[in-house]
Structures are given as C-alpha cells and as structure tokens.
Amino acid sequence: MFKAWQQGFDIVYGIRRNRKEMLPKRALYNMFYRILAWLTDFPVPRNSGDFCLMNRRAVDVVNALPERQRFVRGLRAWTGLTSIGAEYDRPKRARGETKYSFCALLLLALDGMTNFSIQPLRLMWFSGIAVFLASILLGAFMIIWRLSGIVILDTNPTEAQGWASLVVLVLFFGGINLLAIGLVGEYLGRMYHEIERRPLCLVQRDSGNGAPLVQPVPAWRQARAAAAKDTQPSD
C-alpha cells in the first residue's frame, strides 16, 4: 500500500482475493456487491473492505462530509480521487470469534445500499406503474372475454361470477397506492440528497496556474483552529 501511495495514488484499498467463510456467506457478499453496483452511480470496488491507506487530502475530503451514517468504502469511491486496489488472501481467523454478527453485517449492507442511492424508493413508483397497467390490461381482457364467450383452458367466462371484477379492482387500487407511495418516496429521496449536503464537485487542480488540490476544510479542523486561537495569550 505504501509503495502504491508513493506512486501518486490518493487511496489504496485492500481487495480480498478469496475468502475462507462458508459458501452461503460468500454468496451473500457477492450478491451485496452486485446490488450495490446496480444502485450507485459510481463504481464501488467489489470485495474491498474498510481497511485502506489514504493521504491527507483524501482524509480531508471524507472528514468534510457532514453525514453521520458513513459507509467508508462507498465514501472513498465517491470522492473520485485516484485510487488502486491491493489484492490479498484472507485466511481463516486464527483465534477468537468475530464480534460482527449477521445482523450487524445486514445493517452495514443496508447502509451501503441506502446511503448512495434512492433507487429503492423509485422501485415503488415503477412497481405501481406495472401493477396499474396490469389491472387495465386485465380489465380489458375480461371485458373482451365476456363479450366473446370464448372458452379458454376449458373455462367459460360465465362460469365464475364476480371474481374477475374483484381481481381487477384489487390490482387497480393496489397500483394507485403504490404510485402514491412512489411519488412520496421521490420527494423523500430529493430531501435526503439535500440533507446529505455533499459537495456537487471537487476541484482537483486549477487549469490556469496549476494550483494544487482544492478541498473543503473539515468542520473539525475549523473548530480546532478556532479553539487554539481562543486559547492563545493576547499581548
């Protein structure tokens, strides 16, 4: 990692080349990274843990982000700084037991999938459209079937009374409900992005005079500088 940093990379993260866990756990890890890659708008390296080496400007960028629920491997990928992975073999734990339970891993995966995307909320909107259109098509089919009297799969439309209209009504109002929830979710997603207050972009270098990387000053460093200034003796 240190050698890669000396070559000019801002972030060097570890990549697990193989795991010694049980097959179900490895399958869940693989599924999580595939879902995360589909949800996010930027590439998050697969099988990359939180262990990494970051230079000062990368640390300042991550520390400057005001959010509290932090998914580190996603935040460092979001910065867009130059990064490279260092592959390693992860052997089985030599002694002791992990303190990271399955529930804790599940919550970590949930943080990763919700911190960088509002696609889960938009799925409700798309589901509502699909159910609504299905109810319209099914209603039109039932009307045509009833008027034509065609026997389908040895079933006559007059044999069962009421069930078709009931199914169509349930699908119709279910689709309306999902559309309403999806609309509310879209507004919530926009509010979520505003609350995060991540910078729209990071200026890496001024093309005019070749100035070094410009990064926001973290809030904790501003507070420390102000506290140090207040404690200095006055003349």
C-alpha atoms as a PDB file:
ATOM      1  CA  MET A   1       0.000   0.000   0.000  1.00  0.00           C
ATOM      2  CA  PHE A   2       2.805   2.391   0.884  1.00  0.00           C
ATOM      3  CA  LYS A   3       4.563   1.751  -2.424  1.00  0.00           C
ATOM      4  CA  ALA A   4       1.343   2.433  -4.338  1.00  0.00           C
ATOM      5  CA  TRP A   5       0.899   5.672  -2.403  1.00  0.00           C
ATOM      6  CA  GLN A   6       4.452   6.689  -3.321  1.00  0.00           C
ATOM      7  CA  GLN A   7       3.487   6.272  -6.982  1.00  0.00           C
ATOM      8  CA  GLY A   8       0.911   9.068  -6.583  1.00  0.00           C
ATOM      9  CA  PHE A   9      -2.342   7.332  -5.666  1.00  0.00           C
ATOM     10  CA  ASP A  10      -4.524   9.138  -3.139  1.00  0.00           C
ATOM     11  CA  ILE A  11      -6.286   5.998  -1.881  1.00  0.00           C
ATOM     12  CA  VAL A  12      -5.006   2.428  -1.688  1.00  0.00           C
ATOM     13  CA  TYR A  13      -7.623  -0.077  -0.510  1.00  0.00           C
ATOM     14  CA  GLY A  14      -7.420  -3.777   0.183  1.00  0.00           C
ATOM     15  CA  ILE A  15      -9.239  -6.282  -2.021  1.00  0.00           C
ATOM     16  CA  ARG A  16      -9.983  -9.750  -0.701  1.00  0.00           C
ATOM     17  CA  ARG A  17      -8.817 -12.145  -3.370  1.00  0.00           C
ATOM     18  CA  ASN A  18     -10.509 -15.080  -1.673  1.00  0.00           C
ATOM     19  CA  ARG A  19     -12.438 -15.785   1.496  1.00  0.00           C
ATOM     20  CA  LYS A  20     -12.417 -18.726   3.855  1.00  0.00           C
ATOM     21  CA  GLU A  21     -16.020 -18.275   5.033  1.00  0.00           C
ATOM     22  CA  MET A  22     -18.862 -20.672   4.380  1.00  0.00           C
ATOM     23  CA  LEU A  23     -20.377 -20.793   0.893  1.00  0.00           C
ATOM     24  CA  PRO A  24     -23.709 -19.097   1.893  1.00  0.00           C
ATOM     25  CA  LYS A  25     -21.822 -16.159   3.388  1.00  0.00           C
ATOM     26  CA  ARG A  26     -19.630 -15.768   0.315  1.00  0.00           C
ATOM     27  CA  ALA A  27     -22.747 -15.866  -1.870  1.00  0.00           C
ATOM     28  CA  LEU A  28     -24.362 -13.115   0.213  1.00  0.00           C
ATOM     29  CA  TYR A  29     -21.248 -10.957  -0.072  1.00  0.00           C
ATOM     30  CA  ASN A  30     -21.220 -11.417  -3.837  1.00  0.00           C
ATOM     31  CA  MET A  31     -24.923 -10.565  -4.095  1.00  0.00           C
ATOM     32  CA  PHE A  32     -24.461  -7.448  -1.962  1.00  0.00           C
ATOM     33  CA  TYR A  33     -21.706  -6.024  -4.166  1.00  0.00           C
ATOM     34  CA  ARG A  34     -23.722  -6.722  -7.300  1.00  0.00           C
ATOM     35  CA  ILE A  35     -26.764  -4.918  -5.887  1.00  0.00           C
ATOM     36  CA  LEU A  36     -24.569  -2.034  -4.715  1.00  0.00           C
ATOM     37  CA  ALA A  37     -23.026  -1.690  -8.192  1.00  0.00           C
ATOM     38  CA  TRP A  38     -26.529  -1.531  -9.690  1.00  0.00           C
ATOM     39  CA  LEU A  39     -27.774   1.079  -7.210  1.00  0.00           C
ATOM     40  CA  THR A  40     -24.862   3.522  -7.201  1.00  0.00           C
ATOM     41  CA  ASP A  41     -23.959   5.943  -9.983  1.00  0.00           C
ATOM     42  CA  PHE A  42     -20.214   5.472  -9.407  1.00  0.00           C
ATOM     43  CA  PRO A  43     -18.143   2.279  -9.299  1.00  0.00           C
ATOM     44  CA  VAL A  44     -17.557   0.770  -5.850  1.00  0.00           C
ATOM     45  CA  PRO A  45     -14.761  -1.839  -5.949  1.00  0.00           C
ATOM     46  CA  ARG A  46     -16.002  -5.327  -5.177  1.00  0.00           C
ATOM     47  CA  ASN A  47     -14.659  -7.228  -2.169  1.00  0.00           C
ATOM     48  CA  SER A  48     -12.986  -4.095  -0.847  1.00  0.00           C
ATOM     49  CA  GLY A  49     -13.044  -3.718   2.914  1.00  0.00           C
ATOM     50  CA  ASP A  50     -12.763  -0.579   5.010  1.00  0.00           C
ATOM     51  CA  PHE A  51      -9.037  -1.130   5.577  1.00  0.00           C
ATOM     52  CA  CYS A  52      -7.154   1.280   3.352  1.00  0.00           C
ATOM     53  CA  LEU A  53      -4.410   3.883   3.130  1.00  0.00           C
ATOM     54  CA  MET A  54      -5.456   7.470   2.360  1.00  0.00           C
ATOM     55  CA  ASN A  55      -3.321  10.566   2.049  1.00  0.00           C
ATOM     56  CA  ARG A  56      -4.165  13.838   3.764  1.00  0.00           C
ATOM     57  CA  ARG A  57      -6.292  15.347   1.019  1.00  0.00           C
ATOM     58  CA  ALA A  58      -8.420  12.206   0.761  1.00  0.00           C
ATOM     59  CA  VAL A  59      -8.905  12.190   4.530  1.00  0.00           C
ATOM     60  CA  ASP A  60      -9.876  15.877   4.480  1.00  0.00           C
ATOM     61  CA  VAL A  61     -12.496  15.255   1.808  1.00  0.00           C
ATOM     62  CA  VAL A  62     -14.080  12.371   3.718  1.00  0.00           C
ATOM     63  CA  ASN A  63     -13.967  14.244   7.025  1.00  0.00           C
ATOM     64  CA  ALA A  64     -15.570  17.300   5.436  1.00  0.00           C
ATOM     65  CA  LEU A  65     -18.716  15.370   4.547  1.00  0.00           C
ATOM     66  CA  PRO A  66     -21.397  16.288   7.124  1.00  0.00           C
ATOM     67  CA  GLU A  67     -23.306  12.991   7.129  1.00  0.00           C
ATOM     68  CA  ARG A  68     -23.198  10.707  10.164  1.00  0.00           C
ATOM     69  CA  GLN A  69     -24.129   7.292   8.733  1.00  0.00           C
ATOM     70  CA  ARG A  70     -20.846   6.598   6.970  1.00  0.00           C
ATOM     71  CA  PHE A  71     -20.190   3.713   4.638  1.00  0.00           C
ATOM     72  CA  VAL A  72     -16.453   4.213   4.287  1.00  0.00           C
ATOM     73  CA  ARG A  73     -15.781   2.059   1.242  1.00  0.00           C
ATOM     74  CA  GLY A  74     -18.532   3.909  -0.597  1.00  0.00           C
ATOM     75  CA  LEU A  75     -17.473   7.396   0.516  1.00  0.00           C
ATOM     76  CA  ARG A  76     -13.885   6.945  -0.605  1.00  0.00           C
ATOM     77  CA  ALA A  77     -15.091   5.736  -4.018  1.00  0.00           C
ATOM     78  CA  TRP A  78     -17.477   8.718  -4.229  1.00  0.00           C
ATOM     79  CA  THR A  79     -14.606  11.197  -3.860  1.00  0.00           C
ATOM     80  CA  GLY A  80     -13.312  10.273  -7.315  1.00  0.00           C
ATOM     81  CA  LEU A  81      -9.693  10.641  -6.217  1.00  0.00           C
ATOM     82  CA  THR A  82      -7.043   8.430  -7.769  1.00  0.00           C
ATOM     83  CA  SER A  83      -7.211   5.017  -6.153  1.00  0.00           C
ATOM     84  CA  ILE A  84      -5.950   1.482  -6.652  1.00  0.00           C
ATOM     85  CA  GLY A  85      -6.628  -1.852  -5.013  1.00  0.00           C
ATOM     86  CA  ALA A  86      -4.098  -4.109  -3.327  1.00  0.00           C
ATOM     87  CA  GLU A  87      -5.154  -7.753  -3.510  1.00  0.00           C
ATOM     88  CA  TYR A  88      -4.527 -10.087  -0.596  1.00  0.00           C
ATOM     89  CA  ASP A  89      -5.595 -13.539   0.569  1.00  0.00           C
ATOM     90  CA  ARG A  90      -7.809 -13.542   3.623  1.00  0.00           C
ATOM     91  CA  PRO A  91      -7.093 -16.652   5.690  1.00  0.00           C
ATOM     92  CA  LYS A  92      -9.426 -18.140   8.237  1.00  0.00           C
ATOM     93  CA  ARG A  93      -9.477 -16.467  11.648  1.00  0.00           C
ATOM     94  CA  ALA A  94      -6.622 -17.894  13.698  1.00  0.00           C
ATOM     95  CA  ARG A  95      -8.269 -17.444  17.087  1.00  0.00           C
ATOM     96  CA  GLY A  96     -11.195 -15.770  18.756  1.00  0.00           C
ATOM     97  CA  GLU A  97     -14.649 -15.143  17.339  1.00  0.00           C
ATOM     98  CA  THR A  98     -15.885 -12.292  15.223  1.00  0.00           C
ATOM     99  CA  LYS A  99     -17.869  -9.586  17.006  1.00  0.00           C
ATOM    100  CA  TYR A 100     -19.624  -8.716  13.750  1.00  0.00           C
ATOM    101  CA  SER A 101     -22.838 -10.725  13.829  1.00  0.00           C
ATOM    102  CA  PHE A 102     -25.053 -11.472  10.856  1.00  0.00           C
ATOM    103  CA  CYS A 103     -27.472  -8.714  11.926  1.00  0.00           C
ATOM    104  CA  ALA A 104     -24.604  -6.213  12.076  1.00  0.00           C
ATOM    105  CA  LEU A 105     -23.491  -7.215   8.579  1.00  0.00           C
ATOM    106  CA  LEU A 106     -27.067  -6.845   7.367  1.00  0.00           C
ATOM    107  CA  LEU A 107     -27.295  -3.326   8.794  1.00  0.00           C
ATOM    108  CA  LEU A 108     -23.948  -2.449   7.188  1.00  0.00           C
ATOM    109  CA  ALA A 109     -25.231  -3.684   3.821  1.00  0.00           C
ATOM    110  CA  LEU A 110     -28.401  -1.623   4.295  1.00  0.00           C
ATOM    111  CA  ASP A 111     -26.309   1.479   4.986  1.00  0.00           C
ATOM    112  CA  GLY A 112     -24.313   0.882   1.828  1.00  0.00           C
ATOM    113  CA  MET A 113     -27.400   0.444  -0.360  1.00  0.00           C
ATOM    114  CA  THR A 114     -29.304   3.453   1.020  1.00  0.00           C
ATOM    115  CA  ASN A 115     -26.505   5.992   1.545  1.00  0.00           C
ATOM    116  CA  PHE A 116     -25.758   6.466  -2.142  1.00  0.00           C
ATOM    117  CA  SER A 117     -28.997   5.830  -3.991  1.00  0.00           C
ATOM    118  CA  ILE A 118     -32.743   6.452  -3.898  1.00  0.00           C
ATOM    119  CA  GLN A 119     -33.410   3.631  -6.343  1.00  0.00           C
ATOM    120  CA  PRO A 120     -35.205   1.522  -3.678  1.00  0.00           C
ATOM    121  CA  LEU A 121     -37.749   4.332  -3.341  1.00  0.00           C
ATOM    122  CA  ARG A 122     -38.157   4.571  -7.108  1.00  0.00           C
ATOM    123  CA  LEU A 123     -38.819   0.844  -7.282  1.00  0.00           C
ATOM    124  CA  MET A 124     -42.155   1.543  -5.572  1.00  0.00           C
ATOM    125  CA  TRP A 125     -43.017   4.001  -8.345  1.00  0.00           C
ATOM    126  CA  PHE A 126     -42.149   1.548 -11.110  1.00  0.00           C
ATOM    127  CA  SER A 127     -43.986  -1.260  -9.294  1.00  0.00           C
ATOM    128  CA  GLY A 128     -47.078   0.934  -9.073  1.00  0.00           C
ATOM    129  CA  ILE A 129     -46.958   1.657 -12.812  1.00  0.00           C
ATOM    130  CA  ALA A 130     -46.593  -2.056 -13.579  1.00  0.00           C
ATOM    131  CA  VAL A 131     -49.499  -3.085 -11.320  1.00  0.00           C
ATOM    132  CA  PHE A 132     -51.699  -0.256 -12.618  1.00  0.00           C
ATOM    133  CA  LEU A 133     -51.076  -1.196 -16.255  1.00  0.00           C
ATOM    134  CA  ALA A 134     -51.647  -4.865 -15.427  1.00  0.00           C
ATOM    135  CA  SER A 135     -55.061  -4.026 -13.945  1.00  0.00           C
ATOM    136  CA  ILE A 136     -56.031  -2.048 -17.055  1.00  0.00           C
ATOM    137  CA  LEU A 137     -54.936  -4.830 -19.406  1.00  0.00           C
ATOM    138  CA  LEU A 138     -56.623  -7.499 -17.301  1.00  0.00           C
ATOM    139  CA  GLY A 139     -59.844  -5.483 -17.176  1.00  0.00           C
ATOM    140  CA  ALA A 140     -59.846  -5.034 -20.948  1.00  0.00           C
ATOM    141  CA  PHE A 141     -59.147  -8.756 -21.422  1.00  0.00           C
ATOM    142  CA  MET A 142     -62.013  -9.751 -19.124  1.00  0.00           C
ATOM    143  CA  ILE A 143     -64.445  -7.469 -20.951  1.00  0.00           C
ATOM    144  CA  ILE A 144     -63.442  -8.871 -24.341  1.00  0.00           C
ATOM    145  CA  TRP A 145     -63.573 -12.434 -22.997  1.00  0.00           C
ATOM    146  CA  ARG A 146     -67.009 -11.896 -21.518  1.00  0.00           C
ATOM    147  CA  LEU A 147     -68.422 -10.420 -24.713  1.00  0.00           C
ATOM    148  CA  SER A 148     -66.870 -13.016 -26.993  1.00  0.00           C
ATOM    149  CA  GLY A 149     -67.695 -16.053 -24.828  1.00  0.00           C
ATOM    150  CA  ILE A 150     -64.543 -17.882 -25.924  1.00  0.00           C
ATOM    151  CA  VAL A 151     -63.637 -20.948 -23.857  1.00  0.00           C
ATOM    152  CA  ILE A 152     -60.062 -20.711 -22.538  1.00  0.00           C
ATOM    153  CA  LEU A 153     -58.483 -23.696 -20.752  1.00  0.00           C
ATOM    154  CA  ASP A 154     -61.899 -25.353 -20.531  1.00  0.00           C
ATOM    155  CA  THR A 155     -63.260 -22.294 -18.712  1.00  0.00           C
ATOM    156  CA  ASN A 156     -66.253 -20.285 -19.837  1.00  0.00           C
ATOM    157  CA  PRO A 157     -66.421 -16.626 -18.737  1.00  0.00           C
ATOM    158  CA  THR A 158     -69.935 -17.143 -17.388  1.00  0.00           C
ATOM    159  CA  GLU A 159     -68.963 -19.997 -15.049  1.00  0.00           C
ATOM    160  CA  ALA A 160     -67.351 -17.808 -12.353  1.00  0.00           C
ATOM    161  CA  GLN A 161     -69.235 -14.644 -11.483  1.00  0.00           C
ATOM    162  CA  GLY A 162     -67.610 -11.724  -9.665  1.00  0.00           C
ATOM    163  CA  TRP A 163     -64.049 -12.912  -9.251  1.00  0.00           C
ATOM    164  CA  ALA A 164     -62.745 -11.136 -12.360  1.00  0.00           C
ATOM    165  CA  SER A 165     -64.070  -7.731 -11.355  1.00  0.00           C
ATOM    166  CA  LEU A 166     -62.765  -8.256  -7.814  1.00  0.00           C
ATOM    167  CA  VAL A 167     -59.243  -9.091  -9.010  1.00  0.00           C
ATOM    168  CA  VAL A 168     -59.212  -6.126 -11.393  1.00  0.00           C
ATOM    169  CA  LEU A 169     -60.360  -3.726  -8.664  1.00  0.00           C
ATOM    170  CA  VAL A 170     -57.761  -5.020  -6.195  1.00  0.00           C
ATOM    171  CA  LEU A 171     -54.976  -4.621  -8.765  1.00  0.00           C
ATOM    172  CA  PHE A 172     -56.235  -1.186  -9.805  1.00  0.00           C
ATOM    173  CA  PHE A 173     -56.366   0.296  -6.317  1.00  0.00           C
ATOM    174  CA  GLY A 174     -53.158  -1.510  -5.341  1.00  0.00           C
ATOM    175  CA  GLY A 175     -51.413   0.143  -8.281  1.00  0.00           C
ATOM    176  CA  ILE A 176     -52.814   3.543  -7.280  1.00  0.00           C
ATOM    177  CA  ASN A 177     -51.496   3.059  -3.734  1.00  0.00           C
ATOM    178  CA  LEU A 178     -48.044   2.071  -4.985  1.00  0.00           C
ATOM    179  CA  LEU A 179     -47.976   5.091  -7.302  1.00  0.00           C
ATOM    180  CA  ALA A 180     -48.843   7.380  -4.407  1.00  0.00           C
ATOM    181  CA  ILE A 181     -46.154   5.804  -2.205  1.00  0.00           C
ATOM    182  CA  GLY A 182     -43.642   6.094  -5.041  1.00  0.00           C
ATOM    183  CA  LEU A 183     -44.470   9.792  -5.509  1.00  0.00           C
ATOM    184  CA  VAL A 184     -43.958  10.441  -1.796  1.00  0.00           C
ATOM    185  CA  GLY A 185     -40.726   8.424  -1.965  1.00  0.00           C
ATOM    186  CA  GLU A 186     -39.441  10.593  -4.818  1.00  0.00           C
ATOM    187  CA  TYR A 187     -39.908  13.708  -2.714  1.00  0.00           C
ATOM    188  CA  LEU A 188     -38.271  11.994   0.269  1.00  0.00           C
ATOM    189  CA  GLY A 189     -35.320  10.999  -1.897  1.00  0.00           C
ATOM    190  CA  ARG A 190     -34.819  14.580  -3.041  1.00  0.00           C
ATOM    191  CA  MET A 191     -34.998  15.785   0.563  1.00  0.00           C
ATOM    192  CA  TYR A 192     -32.477  13.107   1.518  1.00  0.00           C
ATOM    193  CA  HIS A 193     -29.977  14.354  -1.052  1.00  0.00           C
ATOM    194  CA  GLU A 194     -30.419  17.918   0.182  1.00  0.00           C
ATOM    195  CA  ILE A 195     -29.878  16.888   3.812  1.00  0.00           C
ATOM    196  CA  GLU A 196     -26.670  14.997   2.937  1.00  0.00           C
ATOM    197  CA  ARG A 197     -25.136  18.249   1.650  1.00  0.00           C
ATOM    198  CA  ARG A 198     -22.343  16.556  -0.220  1.00  0.00           C
ATOM    199  CA  PRO A 199     -20.453  18.944  -2.500  1.00  0.00           C
ATOM    200  CA  LEU A 200     -21.534  18.879  -6.122  1.00  0.00           C
ATOM    201  CA  CYS A 201     -17.930  18.529  -7.267  1.00  0.00           C
ATOM    202  CA  LEU A 202     -14.350  18.501  -6.009  1.00  0.00           C
ATOM    203  CA  VAL A 203     -11.833  20.753  -7.763  1.00  0.00           C
ATOM    204  CA  GLN A 204      -8.616  18.795  -8.105  1.00  0.00           C
ATOM    205  CA  ARG A 205      -6.422  21.267  -9.961  1.00  0.00           C
ATOM    206  CA  ASP A 206      -6.753  24.750 -11.410  1.00  0.00           C
ATOM    207  CA  SER A 207      -6.009  24.530 -15.122  1.00  0.00           C
ATOM    208  CA  GLY A 208      -4.927  28.181 -15.188  1.00  0.00           C
ATOM    209  CA  ASN A 209      -1.999  28.236 -12.801  1.00  0.00           C
ATOM    210  CA  GLY A 210      -1.671  24.559 -11.880  1.00  0.00           C
ATOM    211  CA  ALA A 211      -2.614  25.177  -8.273  1.00  0.00           C
ATOM    212  CA  PRO A 212      -2.668  22.127  -6.009  1.00  0.00           C
ATOM    213  CA  LEU A 213      -5.758  20.251  -4.984  1.00  0.00           C
ATOM    214  CA  VAL A 214      -8.521  22.445  -3.604  1.00  0.00           C
ATOM    215  CA  GLN A 215     -10.534  20.713  -0.923  1.00  0.00           C
ATOM    216  CA  PRO A 216     -13.075  21.909   1.652  1.00  0.00           C
ATOM    217  CA  VAL A 217     -11.682  22.398   5.125  1.00  0.00           C
ATOM    218  CA  PRO A 218     -13.270  19.871   7.501  1.00  0.00           C
ATOM    219  CA  ALA A 219     -15.519  21.243  10.214  1.00  0.00           C
ATOM    220  CA  TRP A 220     -13.494  19.559  12.952  1.00  0.00           C
ATOM    221  CA  ARG A 221     -10.302  21.248  11.760  1.00  0.00           C
ATOM    222  CA  GLN A 222     -12.036  24.655  11.689  1.00  0.00           C
ATOM    223  CA  ALA A 223     -13.274  24.112  15.246  1.00  0.00           C
ATOM    224  CA  ARG A 224      -9.800  23.054  16.418  1.00  0.00           C
ATOM    225  CA  ALA A 225      -8.203  26.119  14.812  1.00  0.00           C
ATOM    226  CA  ALA A 226     -10.784  28.408  16.413  1.00  0.00           C
ATOM    227  CA  ALA A 227     -10.263  26.797  19.828  1.00  0.00           C
ATOM    228  CA  ALA A 228      -6.490  27.134  19.513  1.00  0.00           C
ATOM    229  CA  LYS A 229      -6.868  30.794  18.573  1.00  0.00           C
ATOM    230  CA  ASP A 230      -9.077  31.482  21.597  1.00  0.00           C
ATOM    231  CA  THR A 231      -6.590  29.870  23.974  1.00  0.00           C
ATOM    232  CA  GLN A 232      -3.598  31.871  22.722  1.00  0.00           C
ATOM    233  CA  PRO A 233      -2.464  34.606  25.181  1.00  0.00           C
ATOM    234  CA  SER A 234      -3.099  38.136  23.995  1.00  0.00           C
ATOM    235  CA  ASP A 235      -0.442  40.863  24.069  1.00  0.00           C
END
